[in-house]
Amino acid sequence: MNKDYIFWQRLDSLLERSHIVIDRPKGSTHPRFPEIVYALNYGYLDGTTSTDGEGLDVWLGTDPAQKLDAVICTVDLDKGDAEMKLMVGCTAEEKAYIERFYNEYPDMGAKIINRE
């Protein structure tokens, strides 16, 4: 079985058995940095754990299909961590916004991995 297929299948399974909690709705501000405004819904998968000890982060786009179509890997030198975040139902424009969101800050960087 193709390794890429297995990776995406496992992530699909996490999504199917978890509930997406939107704790930063579109238009809201970051809890520590009020100058950062979210242009998309952002939250986490309830019942999962990421490298920061909290739920696996999710960006929720506007594509009606709401399928997992990419992940974004981020590095935050300020926090000293790296994470993978799910991108569910994100259009190409929304993916570009998310990538800019992380790469515009000096201590952060990100790379999108699209599902093929």
C-alpha atoms as a PDB file:
ATOM      1  CA  MET A   1       0.000   0.000   0.000  1.00  0.00           C
ATOM      2  CA  ASN A   2       1.252   3.498  -0.867  1.00  0.00           C
ATOM      3  CA  LYS A   3       2.794   5.286   2.156  1.00  0.00           C
ATOM      4  CA  ASP A   4       1.168   8.595   1.175  1.00  0.00           C
ATOM      5  CA  TYR A   5      -2.228   6.893   1.041  1.00  0.00           C
ATOM      6  CA  ILE A   6      -1.741   5.444   4.528  1.00  0.00           C
ATOM      7  CA  PHE A   7      -0.720   8.834   5.945  1.00  0.00           C
ATOM      8  CA  TRP A   8      -3.823  10.612   4.579  1.00  0.00           C
ATOM      9  CA  GLN A   9      -6.077   7.686   5.513  1.00  0.00           C
ATOM     10  CA  ARG A  10      -4.899   7.852   9.129  1.00  0.00           C
ATOM     11  CA  LEU A  11      -5.541  11.599   9.263  1.00  0.00           C
ATOM     12  CA  ASP A  12      -9.007  11.044   7.735  1.00  0.00           C
ATOM     13  CA  SER A  13      -9.679   8.528  10.520  1.00  0.00           C
ATOM     14  CA  LEU A  14      -8.692  11.075  13.186  1.00  0.00           C
ATOM     15  CA  LEU A  15     -11.083  13.589  11.633  1.00  0.00           C
ATOM     16  CA  GLU A  16     -13.931  11.066  11.434  1.00  0.00           C
ATOM     17  CA  ARG A  17     -13.739  10.112  15.095  1.00  0.00           C
ATOM     18  CA  SER A  18     -13.015  13.563  16.506  1.00  0.00           C
ATOM     19  CA  HIS A  19     -15.029  16.741  16.827  1.00  0.00           C
ATOM     20  CA  ILE A  20     -13.587  19.998  15.461  1.00  0.00           C
ATOM     21  CA  VAL A  21     -13.745  22.714  18.107  1.00  0.00           C
ATOM     22  CA  ILE A  22     -13.455  26.251  16.716  1.00  0.00           C
ATOM     23  CA  ASP A  23     -11.924  28.318  19.500  1.00  0.00           C
ATOM     24  CA  ARG A  24     -10.802  31.157  17.220  1.00  0.00           C
ATOM     25  CA  PRO A  25     -13.650  31.954  14.836  1.00  0.00           C
ATOM     26  CA  LYS A  26     -13.126  33.954  11.677  1.00  0.00           C
ATOM     27  CA  GLY A  27     -12.661  37.617  12.622  1.00  0.00           C
ATOM     28  CA  SER A  28     -11.457  36.910  16.168  1.00  0.00           C
ATOM     29  CA  THR A  29      -8.070  37.973  17.532  1.00  0.00           C
ATOM     30  CA  HIS A  30      -5.215  35.877  18.872  1.00  0.00           C
ATOM     31  CA  PRO A  31      -5.430  35.546  22.686  1.00  0.00           C
ATOM     32  CA  ARG A  32      -1.848  36.780  23.281  1.00  0.00           C
ATOM     33  CA  PHE A  33      -1.385  38.983  20.213  1.00  0.00           C
ATOM     34  CA  PRO A  34      -4.520  41.110  19.645  1.00  0.00           C
ATOM     35  CA  GLU A  35      -3.076  42.568  16.437  1.00  0.00           C
ATOM     36  CA  ILE A  36      -3.414  39.137  14.799  1.00  0.00           C
ATOM     37  CA  VAL A  37      -6.903  38.652  13.339  1.00  0.00           C
ATOM     38  CA  TYR A  38      -7.996  35.268  11.997  1.00  0.00           C
ATOM     39  CA  ALA A  39      -9.430  35.411   8.459  1.00  0.00           C
ATOM     40  CA  LEU A  40     -10.581  31.769   8.728  1.00  0.00           C
ATOM     41  CA  ASN A  41     -11.976  29.542  11.452  1.00  0.00           C
ATOM     42  CA  TYR A  42      -9.200  27.982  13.531  1.00  0.00           C
ATOM     43  CA  GLY A  43      -9.472  25.356  16.211  1.00  0.00           C
ATOM     44  CA  TYR A  44      -8.472  21.843  17.170  1.00  0.00           C
ATOM     45  CA  LEU A  45      -9.573  18.214  17.132  1.00  0.00           C
ATOM     46  CA  ASP A  46     -11.100  17.368  20.490  1.00  0.00           C
ATOM     47  CA  GLY A  47      -9.585  14.255  22.065  1.00  0.00           C
ATOM     48  CA  THR A  48      -6.268  14.477  20.183  1.00  0.00           C
ATOM     49  CA  THR A  49      -2.823  15.659  21.256  1.00  0.00           C
ATOM     50  CA  SER A  50      -0.226  17.585  19.292  1.00  0.00           C
ATOM     51  CA  THR A  51       3.407  18.332  20.132  1.00  0.00           C
ATOM     52  CA  ASP A  52       2.356  21.326  22.262  1.00  0.00           C
ATOM     53  CA  GLY A  53       0.241  19.060  24.485  1.00  0.00           C
ATOM     54  CA  GLU A  54      -3.033  20.475  23.166  1.00  0.00           C
ATOM     55  CA  GLY A  55      -5.413  19.188  20.501  1.00  0.00           C
ATOM     56  CA  LEU A  56      -4.264  18.834  16.903  1.00  0.00           C
ATOM     57  CA  ASP A  57      -4.796  22.241  15.273  1.00  0.00           C
ATOM     58  CA  VAL A  58      -7.230  22.659  12.379  1.00  0.00           C
ATOM     59  CA  TRP A  59      -7.770  25.429   9.847  1.00  0.00           C
ATOM     60  CA  LEU A  60     -11.331  25.219   8.535  1.00  0.00           C
ATOM     61  CA  GLY A  61     -11.858  26.704   5.073  1.00  0.00           C
ATOM     62  CA  THR A  62     -14.947  27.536   3.064  1.00  0.00           C
ATOM     63  CA  ASP A  63     -14.950  24.694   0.511  1.00  0.00           C
ATOM     64  CA  PRO A  64     -18.357  22.991   0.990  1.00  0.00           C
ATOM     65  CA  ALA A  65     -16.790  19.511   0.666  1.00  0.00           C
ATOM     66  CA  GLN A  66     -14.919  20.069   3.975  1.00  0.00           C
ATOM     67  CA  LYS A  67     -12.320  17.390   3.155  1.00  0.00           C
ATOM     68  CA  LEU A  68      -8.801  17.209   4.528  1.00  0.00           C
ATOM     69  CA  ASP A  69      -6.808  18.512   1.581  1.00  0.00           C
ATOM     70  CA  ALA A  70      -3.476  19.573   3.093  1.00  0.00           C
ATOM     71  CA  VAL A  71      -1.409  19.907   6.229  1.00  0.00           C
ATOM     72  CA  ILE A  72       0.905  22.732   7.145  1.00  0.00           C
ATOM     73  CA  CYS A  73       4.077  22.124   9.124  1.00  0.00           C
ATOM     74  CA  THR A  74       5.124  25.070  11.267  1.00  0.00           C
ATOM     75  CA  VAL A  75       8.231  26.037  13.206  1.00  0.00           C
ATOM     76  CA  ASP A  76       8.036  28.598  16.000  1.00  0.00           C
ATOM     77  CA  LEU A  77      11.466  29.602  17.324  1.00  0.00           C
ATOM     78  CA  ASP A  78       9.901  31.779  20.041  1.00  0.00           C
ATOM     79  CA  LYS A  79       8.045  28.779  21.520  1.00  0.00           C
ATOM     80  CA  GLY A  80      10.781  26.330  20.508  1.00  0.00           C
ATOM     81  CA  ASP A  81       8.393  23.938  18.784  1.00  0.00           C
ATOM     82  CA  ALA A  82       7.286  22.507  15.483  1.00  0.00           C
ATOM     83  CA  GLU A  83       3.772  21.303  14.693  1.00  0.00           C
ATOM     84  CA  MET A  84       1.593  19.875  11.967  1.00  0.00           C
ATOM     85  CA  LYS A  85      -1.816  21.493  11.491  1.00  0.00           C
ATOM     86  CA  LEU A  86      -4.704  20.120   9.410  1.00  0.00           C
ATOM     87  CA  MET A  87      -6.251  22.152   6.590  1.00  0.00           C
ATOM     88  CA  VAL A  88      -9.857  21.086   6.056  1.00  0.00           C
ATOM     89  CA  GLY A  89     -11.864  22.423   3.122  1.00  0.00           C
ATOM     90  CA  CYS A  90      -9.339  25.116   2.283  1.00  0.00           C
ATOM     91  CA  THR A  91      -9.330  26.714  -1.149  1.00  0.00           C
ATOM     92  CA  ALA A  92      -6.041  27.591  -2.881  1.00  0.00           C
ATOM     93  CA  GLU A  93      -6.483  31.216  -1.795  1.00  0.00           C
ATOM     94  CA  GLU A  94      -7.120  30.176   1.816  1.00  0.00           C
ATOM     95  CA  LYS A  95      -4.049  27.927   1.812  1.00  0.00           C
ATOM     96  CA  ALA A  96      -1.943  30.845   0.554  1.00  0.00           C
ATOM     97  CA  TYR A  97      -3.338  33.033   3.369  1.00  0.00           C
ATOM     98  CA  ILE A  98      -2.486  30.384   5.992  1.00  0.00           C
ATOM     99  CA  GLU A  99       1.052  29.983   4.679  1.00  0.00           C
ATOM    100  CA  ARG A 100       1.563  33.793   4.741  1.00  0.00           C
ATOM    101  CA  PHE A 101       0.052  33.863   8.251  1.00  0.00           C
ATOM    102  CA  TYR A 102       2.979  31.808   9.576  1.00  0.00           C
ATOM    103  CA  ASN A 103       5.765  33.051   7.334  1.00  0.00           C
ATOM    104  CA  GLU A 104       5.290  36.783   7.925  1.00  0.00           C
ATOM    105  CA  TYR A 105       6.729  36.671  11.455  1.00  0.00           C
ATOM    106  CA  PRO A 106      10.526  36.605  11.922  1.00  0.00           C
ATOM    107  CA  ASP A 107      10.615  33.653  14.342  1.00  0.00           C
ATOM    108  CA  MET A 108       8.152  31.469  12.426  1.00  0.00           C
ATOM    109  CA  GLY A 109       8.121  29.443   9.242  1.00  0.00           C
ATOM    110  CA  ALA A 110       5.725  27.060   7.516  1.00  0.00           C
ATOM    111  CA  LYS A 111       5.429  24.665   4.605  1.00  0.00           C
ATOM    112  CA  ILE A 112       2.216  23.263   3.111  1.00  0.00           C
ATOM    113  CA  ILE A 113       1.979  19.629   2.087  1.00  0.00           C
ATOM    114  CA  ASN A 114      -0.953  19.195  -0.304  1.00  0.00           C
ATOM    115  CA  ARG A 115      -2.855  15.961  -0.658  1.00  0.00           C
ATOM    116  CA  GLU A 116      -2.482  14.618  -4.167  1.00  0.00           C
END
